[in-house]
Each structure stands twice: as structure tokens, then as C-alpha cells.
């Protein structure tokens, strides 16, 4: 899988992605979701985060 991308302009920092896929996503001090460097991009985990993002800020 290619590296997922979080659109920082769209992200509202709800943290759902970090809850469903904590090995790939984290909330940083700016209140936005970010990709964890060096993360293993598990297809199912990332897809769950993409599907559950309430504002569609995550893409693959």
C-alpha cells in the first residue's frame, strides 16, 4: 500500500483515525492527525481510518 495522506486543511482533529489505526496515525500538538514516520501501512487498518474519517481528510 502507498503511504496514506492527511489533508491538513480538512482535518478537524477528531482523533478517530488514531483510535482505529494507532500504528499509522497520531494527533500532534497542532490538534491535527499525522502519519507516524516509519509506520507499516496495514491495508485494513488504513482503510478503516479512511472510511471513518468524518470529513474525508484521509486518502491513500
PDB file of N, CA and C in Angstrom:
ATOM      1  N   UNK A   1       0.841  -1.183   0.000  1.00  0.00           N
ATOM      2  CA  UNK A   1       0.000   0.000   0.000  1.00  0.00           C
ATOM      3  C   UNK A   1       0.881   1.240   0.000  1.00  0.00           C
ATOM      4  N   UNK A   2       0.410   2.242  -0.696  1.00  0.00           N
ATOM      5  CA  UNK A   2       1.126   3.512  -0.674  1.00  0.00           C
ATOM      6  C   UNK A   2       0.842   4.240   0.634  1.00  0.00           C
ATOM      7  N   UNK A   3       1.678   5.192   0.936  1.00  0.00           N
ATOM      8  CA  UNK A   3       1.548   5.944   2.180  1.00  0.00           C
ATOM      9  C   UNK A   3       0.247   6.748   2.165  1.00  0.00           C
ATOM     10  N   UNK A   4      -0.553   6.632   3.227  1.00  0.00           N
ATOM     11  CA  UNK A   4      -1.761   7.458   3.311  1.00  0.00           C
ATOM     12  C   UNK A   4      -1.385   8.924   3.505  1.00  0.00           C
ATOM     13  N   UNK A   5      -2.304   9.809   3.170  1.00  0.00           N
ATOM     14  CA  UNK A   5      -2.082  11.249   3.271  1.00  0.00           C
ATOM     15  C   UNK A   5      -3.232  11.866   4.057  1.00  0.00           C
ATOM     16  N   UNK A   6      -2.901  12.773   4.960  1.00  0.00           N
ATOM     17  CA  UNK A   6      -3.914  13.524   5.705  1.00  0.00           C
ATOM     18  C   UNK A   6      -3.906  14.949   5.181  1.00  0.00           C
ATOM     19  N   UNK A   7      -5.045  15.397   4.671  1.00  0.00           N
ATOM     20  CA  UNK A   7      -5.188  16.782   4.215  1.00  0.00           C
ATOM     21  C   UNK A   7      -5.321  17.661   5.456  1.00  0.00           C
ATOM     22  N   UNK A   8      -4.277  18.397   5.771  1.00  0.00           N
ATOM     23  CA  UNK A   8      -4.242  19.205   6.987  1.00  0.00           C
ATOM     24  C   UNK A   8      -5.283  20.328   6.990  1.00  0.00           C
ATOM     25  N   UNK A   9      -5.678  20.792   5.821  1.00  0.00           N
ATOM     26  CA  UNK A   9      -6.699  21.837   5.758  1.00  0.00           C
ATOM     27  C   UNK A   9      -8.082  21.295   6.088  1.00  0.00           C
ATOM     28  N   UNK A  10      -8.308  20.030   5.782  1.00  0.00           N
ATOM     29  CA  UNK A  10      -9.615  19.407   6.033  1.00  0.00           C
ATOM     30  C   UNK A  10      -9.719  18.780   7.419  1.00  0.00           C
ATOM     31  N   UNK A  11      -8.593  18.321   7.962  1.00  0.00           N
ATOM     32  CA  UNK A  11      -8.598  17.601   9.234  1.00  0.00           C
ATOM     33  C   UNK A  11      -9.149  18.489  10.352  1.00  0.00           C
ATOM     34  N   UNK A  12     -10.090  17.915  11.123  1.00  0.00           N
ATOM     35  CA  UNK A  12     -10.667  18.650  12.254  1.00  0.00           C
ATOM     36  C   UNK A  12     -10.134  18.142  13.594  1.00  0.00           C
ATOM     37  N   UNK A  13      -9.231  17.150  13.536  1.00  0.00           N
ATOM     38  CA  UNK A  13      -8.596  16.662  14.756  1.00  0.00           C
ATOM     39  C   UNK A  13      -9.492  15.863  15.667  1.00  0.00           C
ATOM     40  N   UNK A  14     -10.464  15.168  15.101  1.00  0.00           N
ATOM     41  CA  UNK A  14     -11.379  14.393  15.947  1.00  0.00           C
ATOM     42  C   UNK A  14     -10.696  13.191  16.589  1.00  0.00           C
ATOM     43  N   UNK A  15      -9.615  12.694  15.981  1.00  0.00           N
ATOM     44  CA  UNK A  15      -8.846  11.601  16.556  1.00  0.00           C
ATOM     45  C   UNK A  15      -9.342  10.205  16.241  1.00  0.00           C
ATOM     46  N   UNK A  16     -10.385  10.104  15.443  1.00  0.00           N
ATOM     47  CA  UNK A  16     -10.929   8.790  15.123  1.00  0.00           C
ATOM     48  C   UNK A  16      -9.914   7.915  14.397  1.00  0.00           C
ATOM     49  N   UNK A  17      -9.152   8.492  13.486  1.00  0.00           N
ATOM     50  CA  UNK A  17      -8.150   7.718  12.750  1.00  0.00           C
ATOM     51  C   UNK A  17      -7.120   7.129  13.699  1.00  0.00           C
ATOM     52  N   UNK A  18      -6.692   7.901  14.686  1.00  0.00           N
ATOM     53  CA  UNK A  18      -5.718   7.425  15.654  1.00  0.00           C
ATOM     54  C   UNK A  18      -6.306   6.345  16.555  1.00  0.00           C
ATOM     55  N   UNK A  19      -7.609   6.381  16.760  1.00  0.00           N
ATOM     56  CA  UNK A  19      -8.258   5.349  17.564  1.00  0.00           C
ATOM     57  C   UNK A  19      -8.361   4.033  16.813  1.00  0.00           C
ATOM     58  N   UNK A  20      -8.720   4.092  15.532  1.00  0.00           N
ATOM     59  CA  UNK A  20      -8.914   2.855  14.772  1.00  0.00           C
ATOM     60  C   UNK A  20      -7.621   2.331  14.164  1.00  0.00           C
ATOM     61  N   UNK A  21      -6.602   3.178  14.054  1.00  0.00           N
ATOM     62  CA  UNK A  21      -5.350   2.777  13.400  1.00  0.00           C
ATOM     63  C   UNK A  21      -4.162   3.482  14.071  1.00  0.00           C
ATOM     64  N   UNK A  22      -3.950   3.160  15.329  1.00  0.00           N
ATOM     65  CA  UNK A  22      -2.945   3.872  16.128  1.00  0.00           C
ATOM     66  C   UNK A  22      -1.506   3.573  15.709  1.00  0.00           C
ATOM     67  N   UNK A  23      -1.294   2.548  14.907  1.00  0.00           N
ATOM     68  CA  UNK A  23       0.061   2.254  14.427  1.00  0.00           C
ATOM     69  C   UNK A  23       0.468   3.164  13.270  1.00  0.00           C
ATOM     70  N   UNK A  24      -0.515   3.854  12.679  1.00  0.00           N
ATOM     71  CA  UNK A  24      -0.247   4.684  11.500  1.00  0.00           C
ATOM     72  C   UNK A  24      -0.524   6.163  11.744  1.00  0.00           C
ATOM     73  N   UNK A  25      -1.561   6.473  12.528  1.00  0.00           N
ATOM     74  CA  UNK A  25      -1.981   7.863  12.734  1.00  0.00           C
ATOM     75  C   UNK A  25      -1.789   8.291  14.180  1.00  0.00           C
ATOM     76  N   UNK A  26      -1.443   9.565  14.363  1.00  0.00           N
ATOM     77  CA  UNK A  26      -1.345  10.151  15.698  1.00  0.00           C
ATOM     78  C   UNK A  26      -1.793  11.603  15.634  1.00  0.00           C
ATOM     79  N   UNK A  27      -2.309  12.089  16.762  1.00  0.00           N
ATOM     80  CA  UNK A  27      -2.637  13.504  16.869  1.00  0.00           C
ATOM     81  C   UNK A  27      -1.437  14.207  17.458  1.00  0.00           C
ATOM     82  N   UNK A  28      -1.045  15.294  16.837  1.00  0.00           N
ATOM     83  CA  UNK A  28       0.106  16.053  17.336  1.00  0.00           C
ATOM     84  C   UNK A  28      -0.373  17.319  18.038  1.00  0.00           C
ATOM     85  N   UNK A  29       0.553  18.085  18.549  1.00  0.00           N
ATOM     86  CA  UNK A  29       0.236  19.270  19.343  1.00  0.00           C
ATOM     87  C   UNK A  29      -0.532  20.328  18.565  1.00  0.00           C
ATOM     88  N   UNK A  30      -0.509  20.260  17.234  1.00  0.00           N
ATOM     89  CA  UNK A  30      -1.290  21.209  16.434  1.00  0.00           C
ATOM     90  C   UNK A  30      -2.765  20.824  16.366  1.00  0.00           C
ATOM     91  N   UNK A  31      -3.122  19.695  16.994  1.00  0.00           N
ATOM     92  CA  UNK A  31      -4.506  19.245  17.014  1.00  0.00           C
ATOM     93  C   UNK A  31      -4.939  18.526  15.753  1.00  0.00           C
ATOM     94  N   UNK A  32      -3.996  18.187  14.907  1.00  0.00           N
ATOM     95  CA  UNK A  32      -4.290  17.530  13.626  1.00  0.00           C
ATOM     96  C   UNK A  32      -3.700  16.123  13.624  1.00  0.00           C
ATOM     97  N   UNK A  33      -4.278  15.269  12.775  1.00  0.00           N
ATOM     98  CA  UNK A  33      -3.765  13.915  12.599  1.00  0.00           C
ATOM     99  C   UNK A  33      -2.554  13.948  11.674  1.00  0.00           C
ATOM    100  N   UNK A  34      -1.575  13.111  11.995  1.00  0.00           N
ATOM    101  CA  UNK A  34      -0.367  12.989  11.191  1.00  0.00           C
ATOM    102  C   UNK A  34      -0.022  11.515  11.037  1.00  0.00           C
ATOM    103  N   UNK A  35       0.713  11.215   9.981  1.00  0.00           N
ATOM    104  CA  UNK A  35       1.184   9.864   9.750  1.00  0.00           C
ATOM    105  C   UNK A  35       2.436   9.640  10.603  1.00  0.00           C
ATOM    106  N   UNK A  36       2.502   8.501  11.264  1.00  0.00           N
ATOM    107  CA  UNK A  36       3.676   8.163  12.068  1.00  0.00           C
ATOM    108  C   UNK A  36       4.802   7.757  11.121  1.00  0.00           C
ATOM    109  N   UNK A  37       5.945   8.399  11.249  1.00  0.00           N
ATOM    110  CA  UNK A  37       7.089   8.083  10.383  1.00  0.00           C
ATOM    111  C   UNK A  37       7.517   6.635  10.591  1.00  0.00           C
ATOM    112  N   UNK A  38       7.764   5.956   9.474  1.00  0.00           N
ATOM    113  CA  UNK A  38       8.218   4.580   9.522  1.00  0.00           C
ATOM    114  C   UNK A  38       7.121   3.569   9.810  1.00  0.00           C
ATOM    115  N   UNK A  39       5.866   4.015   9.815  1.00  0.00           N
ATOM    116  CA  UNK A  39       4.755   3.117  10.112  1.00  0.00           C
ATOM    117  C   UNK A  39       4.579   2.076   9.008  1.00  0.00           C
ATOM    118  N   UNK A  40       4.105   0.907   9.396  1.00  0.00           N
ATOM    119  CA  UNK A  40       3.747  -0.145   8.452  1.00  0.00           C
ATOM    120  C   UNK A  40       2.296   0.113   8.059  1.00  0.00           C
ATOM    121  N   UNK A  41       2.064   0.393   6.795  1.00  0.00           N
ATOM    122  CA  UNK A  41       0.739   0.811   6.343  1.00  0.00           C
ATOM    123  C   UNK A  41      -0.163  -0.386   6.087  1.00  0.00           C
ATOM    124  N   UNK A  42      -0.732  -0.916   7.165  1.00  0.00           N
ATOM    125  CA  UNK A  42      -1.643  -2.054   7.098  1.00  0.00           C
ATOM    126  C   UNK A  42      -2.898  -1.664   6.315  1.00  0.00           C
ATOM    127  N   UNK A  43      -3.166  -2.398   5.253  1.00  0.00           N
ATOM    128  CA  UNK A  43      -4.275  -2.064   4.347  1.00  0.00           C
ATOM    129  C   UNK A  43      -5.613  -1.935   5.061  1.00  0.00           C
ATOM    130  N   UNK A  44      -5.976  -2.924   5.872  1.00  0.00           N
ATOM    131  CA  UNK A  44      -7.282  -2.918   6.532  1.00  0.00           C
ATOM    132  C   UNK A  44      -7.390  -1.788   7.537  1.00  0.00           C
ATOM    133  N   UNK A  45      -6.351  -1.578   8.289  1.00  0.00           N
ATOM    134  CA  UNK A  45      -6.331  -0.536   9.307  1.00  0.00           C
ATOM    135  C   UNK A  45      -6.483   0.850   8.674  1.00  0.00           C
ATOM    136  N   UNK A  46      -5.687   1.115   7.652  1.00  0.00           N
ATOM    137  CA  UNK A  46      -5.746   2.418   6.992  1.00  0.00           C
ATOM    138  C   UNK A  46      -7.098   2.605   6.316  1.00  0.00           C
ATOM    139  N   UNK A  47      -7.621   1.560   5.691  1.00  0.00           N
ATOM    140  CA  UNK A  47      -8.920   1.674   5.030  1.00  0.00           C
ATOM    141  C   UNK A  47     -10.019   1.996   6.035  1.00  0.00           C
ATOM    142  N   UNK A  48      -9.948   1.405   7.229  1.00  0.00           N
ATOM    143  CA  UNK A  48     -10.916   1.740   8.280  1.00  0.00           C
ATOM    144  C   UNK A  48     -10.850   3.227   8.619  1.00  0.00           C
ATOM    145  N   UNK A  49      -9.640   3.754   8.734  1.00  0.00           N
ATOM    146  CA  UNK A  49      -9.475   5.177   9.048  1.00  0.00           C
ATOM    147  C   UNK A  49     -10.024   6.047   7.916  1.00  0.00           C
ATOM    148  N   UNK A  50      -9.732   5.674   6.674  1.00  0.00           N
ATOM    149  CA  UNK A  50     -10.249   6.413   5.514  1.00  0.00           C
ATOM    150  C   UNK A  50     -11.780   6.420   5.543  1.00  0.00           C
ATOM    151  N   UNK A  51     -12.365   5.257   5.756  1.00  0.00           N
ATOM    152  CA  UNK A  51     -13.822   5.114   5.735  1.00  0.00           C
ATOM    153  C   UNK A  51     -14.501   5.863   6.876  1.00  0.00           C
ATOM    154  N   UNK A  52     -13.835   5.940   8.031  1.00  0.00           N
ATOM    155  CA  UNK A  52     -14.470   6.530   9.203  1.00  0.00           C
ATOM    156  C   UNK A  52     -14.183   8.014   9.407  1.00  0.00           C
ATOM    157  N   UNK A  53     -13.255   8.573   8.660  1.00  0.00           N
ATOM    158  CA  UNK A  53     -12.964  10.000   8.815  1.00  0.00           C
ATOM    159  C   UNK A  53     -14.217  10.815   8.469  1.00  0.00           C
ATOM    160  N   UNK A  54     -14.720  11.583   9.434  1.00  0.00           N
ATOM    161  CA  UNK A  54     -15.989  12.290   9.210  1.00  0.00           C
ATOM    162  C   UNK A  54     -15.911  13.418   8.161  1.00  0.00           C
ATOM    163  N   UNK A  55     -14.705  13.888   7.843  1.00  0.00           N
ATOM    164  CA  UNK A  55     -14.584  14.966   6.876  1.00  0.00           C
ATOM    165  C   UNK A  55     -13.851  14.548   5.608  1.00  0.00           C
ATOM    166  N   UNK A  56     -13.488  13.263   5.503  1.00  0.00           N
ATOM    167  CA  UNK A  56     -12.819  12.770   4.304  1.00  0.00           C
ATOM    168  C   UNK A  56     -11.419  13.326   4.106  1.00  0.00           C
ATOM    169  N   UNK A  57     -10.714  13.550   5.210  1.00  0.00           N
ATOM    170  CA  UNK A  57      -9.392  14.183   5.124  1.00  0.00           C
ATOM    171  C   UNK A  57      -8.265  13.198   4.821  1.00  0.00           C
ATOM    172  N   UNK A  58      -8.553  11.893   4.831  1.00  0.00           N
ATOM    173  CA  UNK A  58      -7.522  10.899   4.621  1.00  0.00           C
ATOM    174  C   UNK A  58      -7.707  10.250   3.246  1.00  0.00           C
ATOM    175  N   UNK A  59      -6.612  10.142   2.522  1.00  0.00           N
ATOM    176  CA  UNK A  59      -6.637   9.438   1.239  1.00  0.00           C
ATOM    177  C   UNK A  59      -5.448   8.500   1.169  1.00  0.00           C
ATOM    178  N   UNK A  60      -5.545   7.540   0.260  1.00  0.00           N
ATOM    179  CA  UNK A  60      -4.456   6.559   0.099  1.00  0.00           C
ATOM    180  C   UNK A  60      -3.668   6.865  -1.145  1.00  0.00           C
TER     181      UNK A  60
END
